[in-house]
C-alpha atoms as a PDB file:
ATOM      1  CA  UNK A   1     -22.195   6.239 -31.125  1.00  0.00           C
ATOM      2  CA  UNK A   2     -22.781   6.049 -27.378  1.00  0.00           C
ATOM      3  CA  UNK A   3     -20.025   7.828 -25.475  1.00  0.00           C
ATOM      4  CA  UNK A   4     -18.850   6.548 -22.125  1.00  0.00           C
ATOM      5  CA  UNK A   5     -16.355   7.409 -19.414  1.00  0.00           C
ATOM      6  CA  UNK A   6     -14.741   5.124 -16.863  1.00  0.00           C
ATOM      7  CA  UNK A   7     -12.750   6.533 -13.951  1.00  0.00           C
ATOM      8  CA  UNK A   8     -11.395   4.343 -11.148  1.00  0.00           C
ATOM      9  CA  UNK A   9      -9.039   4.637  -8.186  1.00  0.00           C
ATOM     10  CA  UNK A  10      -7.699   1.268  -7.039  1.00  0.00           C
ATOM     11  CA  UNK A  11      -6.103   0.886  -3.603  1.00  0.00           C
ATOM     12  CA  UNK A  12      -4.436  -2.498  -3.938  1.00  0.00           C
ATOM     13  CA  UNK A  13      -0.651  -2.796  -4.014  1.00  0.00           C
ATOM     14  CA  UNK A  14       1.136  -3.699  -7.232  1.00  0.00           C
ATOM     15  CA  UNK A  15       4.476  -4.930  -8.540  1.00  0.00           C
ATOM     16  CA  UNK A  16       5.072  -3.773 -12.121  1.00  0.00           C
ATOM     17  CA  UNK A  17       7.307  -6.110 -14.104  1.00  0.00           C
ATOM     18  CA  UNK A  18       8.780  -5.586 -17.564  1.00  0.00           C
ATOM     19  CA  UNK A  19       6.229  -8.016 -19.016  1.00  0.00           C
ATOM     20  CA  UNK A  20       3.420  -5.912 -17.477  1.00  0.00           C
ATOM     21  CA  UNK A  21       4.727  -2.831 -19.274  1.00  0.00           C
ATOM     22  CA  UNK A  22       4.470  -4.686 -22.597  1.00  0.00           C
ATOM     23  CA  UNK A  23       0.960  -5.954 -21.797  1.00  0.00           C
ATOM     24  CA  UNK A  24      -0.323  -2.502 -20.808  1.00  0.00           C
ATOM     25  CA  UNK A  25       1.228  -0.946 -23.909  1.00  0.00           C
ATOM     26  CA  UNK A  26      -0.325  -3.573 -26.188  1.00  0.00           C
ATOM     27  CA  UNK A  27      -3.738  -3.254 -24.541  1.00  0.00           C
ATOM     28  CA  UNK A  28      -3.835   0.544 -24.775  1.00  0.00           C
ATOM     29  CA  UNK A  29      -2.455   0.537 -28.326  1.00  0.00           C
ATOM     30  CA  UNK A  30      -5.035  -2.002 -29.503  1.00  0.00           C
ATOM     31  CA  UNK A  31      -7.657   0.723 -30.114  1.00  0.00           C
ATOM     32  CA  UNK A  32      -5.511   3.885 -30.005  1.00  0.00           C
ATOM     33  CA  UNK A  33      -3.177   5.434 -32.561  1.00  0.00           C
ATOM     34  CA  UNK A  34      -0.754   7.133 -30.175  1.00  0.00           C
ATOM     35  CA  UNK A  35       0.644   5.602 -26.982  1.00  0.00           C
ATOM     36  CA  UNK A  36       3.133   7.289 -24.663  1.00  0.00           C
ATOM     37  CA  UNK A  37       4.515   6.657 -21.200  1.00  0.00           C
ATOM     38  CA  UNK A  38       5.524   9.391 -18.767  1.00  0.00           C
ATOM     39  CA  UNK A  39       7.919   8.110 -16.113  1.00  0.00           C
ATOM     40  CA  UNK A  40       8.265  10.027 -12.831  1.00  0.00           C
ATOM     41  CA  UNK A  41      11.561   9.487 -11.016  1.00  0.00           C
ATOM     42  CA  UNK A  42      12.877  10.287  -7.560  1.00  0.00           C
ATOM     43  CA  UNK A  43      15.081  13.061  -9.006  1.00  0.00           C
ATOM     44  CA  UNK A  44      11.867  15.070  -9.654  1.00  0.00           C
ATOM     45  CA  UNK A  45      12.219  14.718 -13.438  1.00  0.00           C
ATOM     46  CA  UNK A  46       9.483  13.303 -15.678  1.00  0.00           C
ATOM     47  CA  UNK A  47      10.644  11.449 -18.785  1.00  0.00           C
ATOM     48  CA  UNK A  48       8.370  10.688 -21.737  1.00  0.00           C
ATOM     49  CA  UNK A  49       8.775   7.659 -24.009  1.00  0.00           C
ATOM     50  CA  UNK A  50       6.988   6.595 -27.203  1.00  0.00           C
ATOM     51  CA  UNK A  51       8.027   2.931 -27.068  1.00  0.00           C
ATOM     52  CA  UNK A  52       7.537   0.300 -24.394  1.00  0.00           C
ATOM     53  CA  UNK A  53      11.061  -0.983 -25.083  1.00  0.00           C
ATOM     54  CA  UNK A  54      12.478   2.358 -23.952  1.00  0.00           C
ATOM     55  CA  UNK A  55      10.615   1.995 -20.648  1.00  0.00           C
ATOM     56  CA  UNK A  56      11.754  -1.603 -20.163  1.00  0.00           C
ATOM     57  CA  UNK A  57      15.370  -0.667 -20.884  1.00  0.00           C
ATOM     58  CA  UNK A  58      15.462   2.054 -18.213  1.00  0.00           C
ATOM     59  CA  UNK A  59      18.367   1.553 -15.795  1.00  0.00           C
ATOM     60  CA  UNK A  60      16.242   2.659 -12.824  1.00  0.00           C
ATOM     61  CA  UNK A  61      19.146   3.370 -10.420  1.00  0.00           C
ATOM     62  CA  UNK A  62      18.440   4.344  -6.827  1.00  0.00           C
ATOM     63  CA  UNK A  63      19.366   7.989  -7.534  1.00  0.00           C
ATOM     64  CA  UNK A  64      16.702   8.138 -10.282  1.00  0.00           C
ATOM     65  CA  UNK A  65      14.364   5.474  -8.977  1.00  0.00           C
ATOM     66  CA  UNK A  66      11.012   5.130 -10.727  1.00  0.00           C
ATOM     67  CA  UNK A  67       8.170   6.285  -8.478  1.00  0.00           C
ATOM     68  CA  UNK A  68       5.363   6.403 -11.042  1.00  0.00           C
ATOM     69  CA  UNK A  69       4.452   5.676 -14.652  1.00  0.00           C
ATOM     70  CA  UNK A  70       1.509   7.048 -16.624  1.00  0.00           C
ATOM     71  CA  UNK A  71       0.551   5.123 -19.757  1.00  0.00           C
ATOM     72  CA  UNK A  72      -1.666   7.201 -22.055  1.00  0.00           C
ATOM     73  CA  UNK A  73      -3.154   6.409 -25.438  1.00  0.00           C
ATOM     74  CA  UNK A  74      -5.537   8.272 -27.736  1.00  0.00           C
ATOM     75  CA  UNK A  75      -6.806   8.227 -31.302  1.00  0.00           C
ATOM     76  CA  UNK A  76      -5.707  10.850 -33.833  1.00  0.00           C
ATOM     77  CA  UNK A  77      -9.087  12.590 -33.563  1.00  0.00           C
ATOM     78  CA  UNK A  78      -8.989  12.388 -29.735  1.00  0.00           C
ATOM     79  CA  UNK A  79     -12.401  10.654 -29.612  1.00  0.00           C
ATOM     80  CA  UNK A  80     -10.918   7.843 -27.538  1.00  0.00           C
ATOM     81  CA  UNK A  81      -8.510   8.052 -24.647  1.00  0.00           C
ATOM     82  CA  UNK A  82      -7.130   5.527 -22.162  1.00  0.00           C
ATOM     83  CA  UNK A  83      -4.902   6.355 -19.197  1.00  0.00           C
ATOM     84  CA  UNK A  84      -3.501   4.074 -16.528  1.00  0.00           C
ATOM     85  CA  UNK A  85      -1.249   5.546 -13.865  1.00  0.00           C
ATOM     86  CA  UNK A  86       0.672   3.452 -11.341  1.00  0.00           C
ATOM     87  CA  UNK A  87       2.664   5.069  -8.564  1.00  0.00           C
ATOM     88  CA  UNK A  88       4.338   4.236  -5.275  1.00  0.00           C
ATOM     89  CA  UNK A  89       2.029   6.556  -3.312  1.00  0.00           C
ATOM     90  CA  UNK A  90      -1.708   6.783  -2.707  1.00  0.00           C
ATOM     91  CA  UNK A  91      -3.791   6.157  -4.717  1.00  0.00           C
ATOM     92  CA  UNK A  92      -1.448   3.567  -6.257  1.00  0.00           C
ATOM     93  CA  UNK A  93      -3.509   2.895  -9.405  1.00  0.00           C
ATOM     94  CA  UNK A  94      -5.669   5.271 -11.438  1.00  0.00           C
ATOM     95  CA  UNK A  95      -7.692   4.350 -14.537  1.00  0.00           C
ATOM     96  CA  UNK A  96      -9.344   6.841 -16.892  1.00  0.00           C
ATOM     97  CA  UNK A  97     -11.066   5.636 -20.063  1.00  0.00           C
ATOM     98  CA  UNK A  98     -13.071   7.748 -22.534  1.00  0.00           C
ATOM     99  CA  UNK A  99     -14.693   6.754 -25.830  1.00  0.00           C
ATOM    100  CA  UNK A 100     -17.411   4.491 -27.144  1.00  0.00           C
ATOM    101  CA  UNK A 101     -19.255   2.545 -24.483  1.00  0.00           C
ATOM    102  CA  UNK A 102     -17.998  -0.812 -25.789  1.00  0.00           C
ATOM    103  CA  UNK A 103     -14.395   0.431 -25.838  1.00  0.00           C
ATOM    104  CA  UNK A 104     -14.657   1.772 -22.270  1.00  0.00           C
ATOM    105  CA  UNK A 105     -16.204  -1.444 -20.956  1.00  0.00           C
ATOM    106  CA  UNK A 106     -13.704  -3.719 -22.736  1.00  0.00           C
ATOM    107  CA  UNK A 107     -10.642  -1.672 -21.750  1.00  0.00           C
ATOM    108  CA  UNK A 108     -11.650  -1.350 -18.083  1.00  0.00           C
ATOM    109  CA  UNK A 109     -12.327  -5.077 -17.825  1.00  0.00           C
ATOM    110  CA  UNK A 110      -9.030  -5.995 -19.513  1.00  0.00           C
ATOM    111  CA  UNK A 111      -7.035  -3.547 -17.350  1.00  0.00           C
ATOM    112  CA  UNK A 112      -8.656  -4.861 -14.163  1.00  0.00           C
ATOM    113  CA  UNK A 113      -7.650  -8.407 -15.128  1.00  0.00           C
ATOM    114  CA  UNK A 114      -4.104  -7.237 -15.831  1.00  0.00           C
ATOM    115  CA  UNK A 115      -3.892  -5.347 -12.527  1.00  0.00           C
ATOM    116  CA  UNK A 116      -5.066  -8.423 -10.615  1.00  0.00           C
ATOM    117  CA  UNK A 117      -2.008 -10.212 -11.969  1.00  0.00           C
ATOM    118  CA  UNK A 118       0.220  -7.420 -10.647  1.00  0.00           C
ATOM    119  CA  UNK A 119      -1.114  -7.713  -7.083  1.00  0.00           C
ATOM    120  CA  UNK A 120       1.531  -9.077  -4.654  1.00  0.00           C
ATOM    121  CA  UNK A 121       0.751 -11.474  -1.807  1.00  0.00           C
ATOM    122  CA  UNK A 122       1.297  -8.711   0.767  1.00  0.00           C
ATOM    123  CA  UNK A 123      -1.269  -6.305  -0.734  1.00  0.00           C
ATOM    124  CA  UNK A 124      -3.456  -6.426   2.394  1.00  0.00           C
ATOM    125  CA  UNK A 125      -0.484  -5.579   4.628  1.00  0.00           C
ATOM    126  CA  UNK A 126       0.544  -2.677   2.388  1.00  0.00           C
ATOM    127  CA  UNK A 127      -2.992  -1.248   2.491  1.00  0.00           C
ATOM    128  CA  UNK A 128      -3.461  -1.559   6.261  1.00  0.00           C
ATOM    129  CA  UNK A 129      -2.917   1.679   8.159  1.00  0.00           C
ATOM    130  CA  UNK A 130      -1.911   0.646  11.691  1.00  0.00           C
ATOM    131  CA  UNK A 131      -3.345   3.900  13.097  1.00  0.00           C
ATOM    132  CA  UNK A 132      -6.755   2.288  12.682  1.00  0.00           C
ATOM    133  CA  UNK A 133      -5.625  -0.883  14.467  1.00  0.00           C
ATOM    134  CA  UNK A 134      -3.114  -0.367  17.287  1.00  0.00           C
ATOM    135  CA  UNK A 135      -4.406   2.769  19.118  1.00  0.00           C
ATOM    136  CA  UNK A 136      -8.038   1.512  19.281  1.00  0.00           C
ATOM    137  CA  UNK A 137      -6.788  -1.928  20.384  1.00  0.00           C
ATOM    138  CA  UNK A 138      -4.604  -0.398  23.098  1.00  0.00           C
ATOM    139  CA  UNK A 139      -7.494   1.773  24.320  1.00  0.00           C
ATOM    140  CA  UNK A 140      -9.847  -1.218  24.390  1.00  0.00           C
ATOM    141  CA  UNK A 141      -7.352  -3.343  26.368  1.00  0.00           C
ATOM    142  CA  UNK A 142      -6.915  -0.493  28.869  1.00  0.00           C
ATOM    143  CA  UNK A 143     -10.669  -0.082  29.337  1.00  0.00           C
ATOM    144  CA  UNK A 144     -11.190  -3.822  29.797  1.00  0.00           C
ATOM    145  CA  UNK A 145      -8.347  -4.016  32.311  1.00  0.00           C
ATOM    146  CA  UNK A 146      -9.603  -0.965  34.223  1.00  0.00           C
ATOM    147  CA  UNK A 147     -13.191  -2.264  34.371  1.00  0.00           C
ATOM    148  CA  UNK A 148     -12.025  -5.724  35.444  1.00  0.00           C
ATOM    149  CA  UNK A 149      -9.876  -4.242  38.222  1.00  0.00           C
ATOM    150  CA  UNK A 150     -12.130  -1.564  39.693  1.00  0.00           C
ATOM    151  CA  UNK A 151     -15.687  -2.595  38.922  1.00  0.00           C
ATOM    152  CA  UNK A 152     -17.938  -5.595  38.801  1.00  0.00           C
ATOM    153  CA  UNK A 153     -20.869  -7.005  40.798  1.00  0.00           C
ATOM    154  CA  UNK A 154     -18.612  -9.181  42.976  1.00  0.00           C
ATOM    155  CA  UNK A 155     -16.124  -6.455  43.834  1.00  0.00           C
ATOM    156  CA  UNK A 156     -16.613  -3.933  46.642  1.00  0.00           C
ATOM    157  CA  UNK A 157     -16.346  -0.281  45.741  1.00  0.00           C
ATOM    158  CA  UNK A 158     -12.856   0.959  46.552  1.00  0.00           C
ATOM    159  CA  UNK A 159     -11.053   4.251  46.384  1.00  0.00           C
ATOM    160  CA  UNK A 160      -8.069   4.556  44.060  1.00  0.00           C
ATOM    161  CA  UNK A 161      -4.863   5.068  46.069  1.00  0.00           C
ATOM    162  CA  UNK A 162      -1.914   7.193  44.945  1.00  0.00           C
ATOM    163  CA  UNK A 163       0.009   4.288  43.416  1.00  0.00           C
ATOM    164  CA  UNK A 164      -2.920   3.184  41.287  1.00  0.00           C
ATOM    165  CA  UNK A 165      -3.687   6.796  40.358  1.00  0.00           C
ATOM    166  CA  UNK A 166      -0.120   7.249  39.079  1.00  0.00           C
ATOM    167  CA  UNK A 167      -0.341   3.943  37.215  1.00  0.00           C
ATOM    168  CA  UNK A 168      -3.638   5.032  35.696  1.00  0.00           C
ATOM    169  CA  UNK A 169      -2.210   8.430  34.639  1.00  0.00           C
ATOM    170  CA  UNK A 170       0.959   6.938  33.140  1.00  0.00           C
ATOM    171  CA  UNK A 171      -1.076   4.391  31.202  1.00  0.00           C
ATOM    172  CA  UNK A 172      -3.233   7.144  29.709  1.00  0.00           C
ATOM    173  CA  UNK A 173      -0.118   9.123  28.730  1.00  0.00           C
ATOM    174  CA  UNK A 174       1.368   6.009  27.160  1.00  0.00           C
ATOM    175  CA  UNK A 175      -1.787   5.384  25.147  1.00  0.00           C
ATOM    176  CA  UNK A 176      -2.060   9.013  24.011  1.00  0.00           C
ATOM    177  CA  UNK A 177       1.626   9.541  23.142  1.00  0.00           C
ATOM    178  CA  UNK A 178       3.570   6.293  23.156  1.00  0.00           C
ATOM    179  CA  UNK A 179       1.139   4.159  21.170  1.00  0.00           C
ATOM    180  CA  UNK A 180       0.669   6.710  18.320  1.00  0.00           C
ATOM    181  CA  UNK A 181       4.453   7.187  18.140  1.00  0.00           C
ATOM    182  CA  UNK A 182       5.027   3.442  18.020  1.00  0.00           C
ATOM    183  CA  UNK A 183       2.289   3.120  15.391  1.00  0.00           C
ATOM    184  CA  UNK A 184       3.928   5.821  13.272  1.00  0.00           C
ATOM    185  CA  UNK A 185       7.263   4.006  13.431  1.00  0.00           C
ATOM    186  CA  UNK A 186       5.641   0.671  12.557  1.00  0.00           C
ATOM    187  CA  UNK A 187       3.834   2.305   9.635  1.00  0.00           C
ATOM    188  CA  UNK A 188       7.190   3.575   8.372  1.00  0.00           C
ATOM    189  CA  UNK A 189       8.636   0.063   8.584  1.00  0.00           C
ATOM    190  CA  UNK A 190       5.544  -1.422   6.936  1.00  0.00           C
ATOM    191  CA  UNK A 191       5.734   1.033   4.026  1.00  0.00           C
ATOM    192  CA  UNK A 192       9.422   0.227   3.595  1.00  0.00           C
ATOM    193  CA  UNK A 193       9.120  -3.560   3.738  1.00  0.00           C
ATOM    194  CA  UNK A 194       5.738  -3.825   2.006  1.00  0.00           C
ATOM    195  CA  UNK A 195       5.573  -0.943  -0.516  1.00  0.00           C
ATOM    196  CA  UNK A 196       2.231  -0.058  -2.048  1.00  0.00           C
ATOM    197  CA  UNK A 197       3.931   0.115  -5.446  1.00  0.00           C
ATOM    198  CA  UNK A 198       7.139  -1.446  -6.768  1.00  0.00           C
ATOM    199  CA  UNK A 199       8.790  -1.299 -10.190  1.00  0.00           C
ATOM    200  CA  UNK A 200      10.783  -4.400 -11.152  1.00  0.00           C
ATOM    201  CA  UNK A 201      12.570  -2.665 -14.010  1.00  0.00           C
ATOM    202  CA  UNK A 202      16.358  -2.394 -14.443  1.00  0.00           C
ATOM    203  CA  UNK A 203      18.091  -2.205 -11.077  1.00  0.00           C
ATOM    204  CA  UNK A 204      14.652  -2.322  -9.457  1.00  0.00           C
ATOM    205  CA  UNK A 205      14.646  -6.100  -9.972  1.00  0.00           C
ATOM    206  CA  UNK A 206      17.659  -6.530  -7.676  1.00  0.00           C
ATOM    207  CA  UNK A 207      16.216  -4.161  -5.075  1.00  0.00           C
ATOM    208  CA  UNK A 208      12.921  -6.032  -5.014  1.00  0.00           C
ATOM    209  CA  UNK A 209      14.668  -9.413  -4.742  1.00  0.00           C
ATOM    210  CA  UNK A 210      16.500  -8.120  -1.657  1.00  0.00           C
ATOM    211  CA  UNK A 211      13.255  -6.703  -0.302  1.00  0.00           C
ATOM    212  CA  UNK A 212      11.574 -10.111  -0.596  1.00  0.00           C
ATOM    213  CA  UNK A 213      14.286 -11.630   1.598  1.00  0.00           C
ATOM    214  CA  UNK A 214      13.689  -8.970   4.267  1.00  0.00           C
ATOM    215  CA  UNK A 215       9.945  -9.595   4.079  1.00  0.00           C
ATOM    216  CA  UNK A 216      10.334 -13.283   4.867  1.00  0.00           C
ATOM    217  CA  UNK A 217      12.652 -12.401   7.745  1.00  0.00           C
ATOM    218  CA  UNK A 218      10.230  -9.813   9.148  1.00  0.00           C
ATOM    219  CA  UNK A 219       7.128 -12.032   9.163  1.00  0.00           C
ATOM    220  CA  UNK A 220       8.574 -14.886  11.326  1.00  0.00           C
ATOM    221  CA  UNK A 221      10.158 -12.279  13.592  1.00  0.00           C
ATOM    222  CA  UNK A 222       6.796 -10.572  14.073  1.00  0.00           C
ATOM    223  CA  UNK A 223       5.044 -13.883  14.825  1.00  0.00           C
ATOM    224  CA  UNK A 224       7.716 -14.885  17.342  1.00  0.00           C
ATOM    225  CA  UNK A 225       7.487 -11.488  19.084  1.00  0.00           C
ATOM    226  CA  UNK A 226       3.684 -11.781  19.378  1.00  0.00           C
ATOM    227  CA  UNK A 227       3.931 -15.311  20.831  1.00  0.00           C
ATOM    228  CA  UNK A 228       6.646 -14.182  23.252  1.00  0.00           C
ATOM    229  CA  UNK A 229       4.482 -11.241  24.381  1.00  0.00           C
ATOM    230  CA  UNK A 230       1.500 -13.524  25.002  1.00  0.00           C
ATOM    231  CA  UNK A 231       3.610 -15.988  26.978  1.00  0.00           C
ATOM    232  CA  UNK A 232       5.124 -13.178  29.037  1.00  0.00           C
ATOM    233  CA  UNK A 233       1.650 -11.812  29.783  1.00  0.00           C
ATOM    234  CA  UNK A 234       0.478 -15.235  30.940  1.00  0.00           C
ATOM    235  CA  UNK A 235       3.522 -15.719  33.179  1.00  0.00           C
ATOM    236  CA  UNK A 236       3.123 -12.271  34.719  1.00  0.00           C
ATOM    237  CA  UNK A 237      -0.551 -12.921  35.509  1.00  0.00           C
ATOM    238  CA  UNK A 238       0.461 -16.113  37.354  1.00  0.00           C
END
């Protein structure tokens, strides 16, 4: 027997439905004797279940909202083990498979296929940290604007007067303080509207349905605001 181990962290977002719970349970139980699920809730209590029906039938109210589920299966002699953990924080998905090489390879492949089906359309948005986008973009725009205004082969060298010096200083302060603060607030909104992990179980189905409505309101609003900003910039330049 050739032993193998597979251990993966996956960063893509997921939406766990009741049907996904059944599929994961069936897949893990296919080659394991014991399967259990440990459910972590927002009330800081972990609840363990020995049947997928018990997990599906959870009420999942906001006061005890599901924030993570660990599915674990093993054989009676503990020579094989399969664990998949999904949670609404980073890393959102963790896979850990131990056993014969064929079992590890088959289980990892099957779980990856299942997880692909759980990926929502907004996965890229949920994974994008705006701290790596907005502050560098703001700094680049400032540098380009400064270079275009005060340097160039066709422009005579000129001293910076008090007004421009104040403008320059305020812009730097805005980039160093205002932009990171705005980015932090936008990241909070992004995490709220586009969660890295969602559990459509019990009352979670109604919450996610409402969230989808807010998502489709937020996207057009964002596009309109960007277009309006571009138009305003063009009008100001004229």
